[in-house]
C-alpha atoms as a PDB file:
ATOM      1  CA  MET A   1      58.945  12.925  53.635  1.00  0.00           C
ATOM      2  CA  ALA A   2      58.651  15.765  51.136  1.00  0.00           C
ATOM      3  CA  SER A   3      55.742  15.635  48.725  1.00  0.00           C
ATOM      4  CA  VAL A   4      55.988  16.102  44.988  1.00  0.00           C
ATOM      5  CA  GLY A   5      54.033  18.921  43.377  1.00  0.00           C
ATOM      6  CA  ALA A   6      51.242  18.262  40.900  1.00  0.00           C
ATOM      7  CA  GLN A   7      53.180  19.674  37.920  1.00  0.00           C
ATOM      8  CA  ILE A   8      56.144  17.373  38.466  1.00  0.00           C
ATOM      9  CA  LYS A   9      53.852  14.418  39.133  1.00  0.00           C
ATOM     10  CA  ARG A  10      51.923  14.956  35.898  1.00  0.00           C
ATOM     11  CA  GLY A  11      55.122  15.139  33.890  1.00  0.00           C
ATOM     12  CA  SER A  12      56.532  11.982  35.420  1.00  0.00           C
ATOM     13  CA  ALA A  13      53.340   9.939  35.145  1.00  0.00           C
ATOM     14  CA  GLU A  14      53.742   8.991  31.488  1.00  0.00           C
ATOM     15  CA  LEU A  15      57.284   7.768  32.015  1.00  0.00           C
ATOM     16  CA  ALA A  16      56.387   5.841  35.167  1.00  0.00           C
ATOM     17  CA  VAL A  17      53.365   4.094  33.646  1.00  0.00           C
ATOM     18  CA  LEU A  18      55.021   3.213  30.338  1.00  0.00           C
ATOM     19  CA  THR A  19      58.113   1.918  32.157  1.00  0.00           C
ATOM     20  CA  LEU A  20      56.043  -0.395  34.346  1.00  0.00           C
ATOM     21  CA  LEU A  21      54.073  -1.671  31.363  1.00  0.00           C
ATOM     22  CA  ALA A  22      57.318  -2.318  29.470  1.00  0.00           C
ATOM     23  CA  ARG A  23      58.134  -4.877  32.168  1.00  0.00           C
ATOM     24  CA  GLN A  24      54.792  -6.687  32.131  1.00  0.00           C
ATOM     25  CA  PRO A  25      51.048  -6.212  31.541  1.00  0.00           C
ATOM     26  CA  LEU A  26      49.228  -4.792  34.558  1.00  0.00           C
ATOM     27  CA  HIS A  27      45.762  -3.622  35.535  1.00  0.00           C
ATOM     28  CA  GLY A  28      45.182  -0.025  36.667  1.00  0.00           C
ATOM     29  CA  TYR A  29      45.132  -0.623  40.401  1.00  0.00           C
ATOM     30  CA  GLU A  30      48.372  -2.628  40.176  1.00  0.00           C
ATOM     31  CA  ILE A  31      50.055   0.197  38.245  1.00  0.00           C
ATOM     32  CA  ALA A  32      49.125   2.718  40.931  1.00  0.00           C
ATOM     33  CA  LYS A  33      50.158   0.331  43.716  1.00  0.00           C
ATOM     34  CA  ARG A  34      53.582  -0.367  42.184  1.00  0.00           C
ATOM     35  CA  ILE A  35      54.326   3.309  41.596  1.00  0.00           C
ATOM     36  CA  ASP A  36      53.433   4.027  45.216  1.00  0.00           C
ATOM     37  CA  GLU A  37      55.525   1.130  46.552  1.00  0.00           C
ATOM     38  CA  GLN A  38      58.552   1.614  44.307  1.00  0.00           C
ATOM     39  CA  THR A  39      58.791   5.330  45.096  1.00  0.00           C
ATOM     40  CA  GLY A  40      58.249   4.914  48.821  1.00  0.00           C
ATOM     41  CA  GLY A  41      54.966   6.804  48.549  1.00  0.00           C
ATOM     42  CA  VAL A  42      56.536   9.915  46.998  1.00  0.00           C
ATOM     43  CA  LEU A  43      54.577   9.414  43.786  1.00  0.00           C
ATOM     44  CA  ARG A  44      50.937   8.426  44.112  1.00  0.00           C
ATOM     45  CA  PHE A  45      48.386   8.374  41.350  1.00  0.00           C
ATOM     46  CA  ASP A  46      44.714   8.015  42.071  1.00  0.00           C
ATOM     47  CA  MET A  47      42.445   6.135  39.712  1.00  0.00           C
ATOM     48  CA  ALA A  48      40.732   9.366  38.647  1.00  0.00           C
ATOM     49  CA  SER A  49      43.969  10.553  37.021  1.00  0.00           C
ATOM     50  CA  LEU A  50      45.443   7.198  36.032  1.00  0.00           C
ATOM     51  CA  TYR A  51      42.578   5.820  33.946  1.00  0.00           C
ATOM     52  CA  PRO A  52      42.199   8.872  31.679  1.00  0.00           C
ATOM     53  CA  MET A  53      45.932   8.568  30.948  1.00  0.00           C
ATOM     54  CA  LEU A  54      45.585   4.855  30.160  1.00  0.00           C
ATOM     55  CA  TYR A  55      42.606   5.585  27.876  1.00  0.00           C
ATOM     56  CA  ARG A  56      44.671   8.286  26.113  1.00  0.00           C
ATOM     57  CA  PHE A  57      47.540   5.814  25.657  1.00  0.00           C
ATOM     58  CA  GLU A  58      45.045   3.321  24.258  1.00  0.00           C
ATOM     59  CA  ARG A  59      43.727   5.875  21.723  1.00  0.00           C
ATOM     60  CA  LYS A  60      47.337   6.572  20.662  1.00  0.00           C
ATOM     61  CA  ALA A  61      47.912   2.782  20.354  1.00  0.00           C
ATOM     62  CA  TRP A  62      50.719   2.916  22.952  1.00  0.00           C
ATOM     63  CA  VAL A  63      48.896   0.354  25.099  1.00  0.00           C
ATOM     64  CA  GLN A  64      46.369  -2.340  24.395  1.00  0.00           C
ATOM     65  CA  ALA A  65      43.785  -3.323  26.978  1.00  0.00           C
ATOM     66  CA  GLU A  66      41.905  -6.548  27.376  1.00  0.00           C
ATOM     67  CA  TRP A  67      39.347  -7.693  29.886  1.00  0.00           C
ATOM     68  CA  GLN A  68      40.340 -10.512  32.218  1.00  0.00           C
ATOM     69  CA  THR A  69      37.943 -12.487  34.379  1.00  0.00           C
ATOM     70  CA  LEU A  70      39.292 -13.465  37.776  1.00  0.00           C
ATOM     71  CA  ALA A  71      38.512 -16.760  39.540  1.00  0.00           C
ATOM     72  CA  ASN A  72      35.921 -14.962  41.678  1.00  0.00           C
ATOM     73  CA  GLY A  73      34.094 -13.747  38.536  1.00  0.00           C
ATOM     74  CA  ARG A  74      35.246 -10.121  38.800  1.00  0.00           C
ATOM     75  CA  ARG A  75      36.507  -8.497  35.632  1.00  0.00           C
ATOM     76  CA  ARG A  76      39.365  -6.071  35.204  1.00  0.00           C
ATOM     77  CA  ARG A  77      41.164  -4.433  32.304  1.00  0.00           C
ATOM     78  CA  CYS A  78      44.767  -5.420  31.887  1.00  0.00           C
ATOM     79  CA  TYR A  79      47.056  -3.084  29.930  1.00  0.00           C
ATOM     80  CA  ARG A  80      50.111  -4.076  27.941  1.00  0.00           C
ATOM     81  CA  LEU A  81      52.599  -1.919  26.071  1.00  0.00           C
ATOM     82  CA  THR A  82      52.415  -2.152  22.283  1.00  0.00           C
ATOM     83  CA  PRO A  83      55.405  -1.931  19.929  1.00  0.00           C
ATOM     84  CA  LEU A  84      54.429   1.703  19.259  1.00  0.00           C
ATOM     85  CA  GLY A  85      54.378   2.345  23.008  1.00  0.00           C
ATOM     86  CA  ARG A  86      57.871   0.880  23.315  1.00  0.00           C
ATOM     87  CA  LYS A  87      59.037   3.279  20.601  1.00  0.00           C
ATOM     88  CA  GLN A  88      57.671   6.190  22.667  1.00  0.00           C
ATOM     89  CA  LEU A  89      59.483   5.093  25.805  1.00  0.00           C
ATOM     90  CA  ALA A  90      63.107   5.561  24.618  1.00  0.00           C
ATOM     91  CA  PRO A  91      62.764   9.233  23.616  1.00  0.00           C
ATOM     92  CA  LEU A  92      60.729   9.947  26.747  1.00  0.00           C
ATOM     93  CA  ARG A  93      63.488   8.466  28.928  1.00  0.00           C
ATOM     94  CA  GLU A  94      66.081  10.514  27.054  1.00  0.00           C
ATOM     95  CA  GLN A  95      64.075  13.716  27.579  1.00  0.00           C
ATOM     96  CA  TRP A  96      64.022  13.038  31.338  1.00  0.00           C
ATOM     97  CA  ARG A  97      67.762  12.220  31.326  1.00  0.00           C
ATOM     98  CA  VAL A  98      68.504  15.555  29.651  1.00  0.00           C
ATOM     99  CA  PHE A  99      66.192  17.353  32.077  1.00  0.00           C
ATOM    100  CA  PHE A 100      67.854  15.783  35.134  1.00  0.00           C
ATOM    101  CA  ARG A 101      71.362  16.554  33.861  1.00  0.00           C
ATOM    102  CA  ALA A 102      70.388  20.184  33.322  1.00  0.00           C
ATOM    103  CA  PHE A 103      68.674  20.326  36.709  1.00  0.00           C
ATOM    104  CA  GLN A 104      71.734  18.818  38.407  1.00  0.00           C
ATOM    105  CA  SER A 105      74.019  21.385  36.803  1.00  0.00           C
ATOM    106  CA  ILE A 106      71.888  24.203  38.180  1.00  0.00           C
ATOM    107  CA  THR A 107      71.172  22.849  41.650  1.00  0.00           C
ATOM    108  CA  GLY A 108      74.285  20.816  42.345  1.00  0.00           C
ATOM    109  CA  PHE A 109      72.140  17.791  43.211  1.00  0.00           C
ATOM    110  CA  GLN A 110      73.918  14.607  42.248  1.00  0.00           C
ATOM    111  CA  ASN A 111      70.938  12.300  42.588  1.00  0.00           C
ATOM    112  CA  ALA A 112      67.997  14.528  41.825  1.00  0.00           C
END
């Protein structure tokens, strides 16, 4: 399987994370796990890059985090998309749509 370069991965991370959080609130590890599973391992984000992004989204008020205590007493932060975050998602998706159309016209890829 071909790997995805760091530049492409960084650019796709915001869209991937916001899209997952638009579906339901998740904690950081679950976000990383779902991205890995849903892309067949092509996109992988380690916690060292994922959490700074989530903190940045929190500062921008795109996500809201709250601590949850599990049955075993462990705590984790669960992130949910805010209305402002939802407003960011539509233009971000459109930017990627435009990018992929342009890329397809250059490369001839139909499902890039």
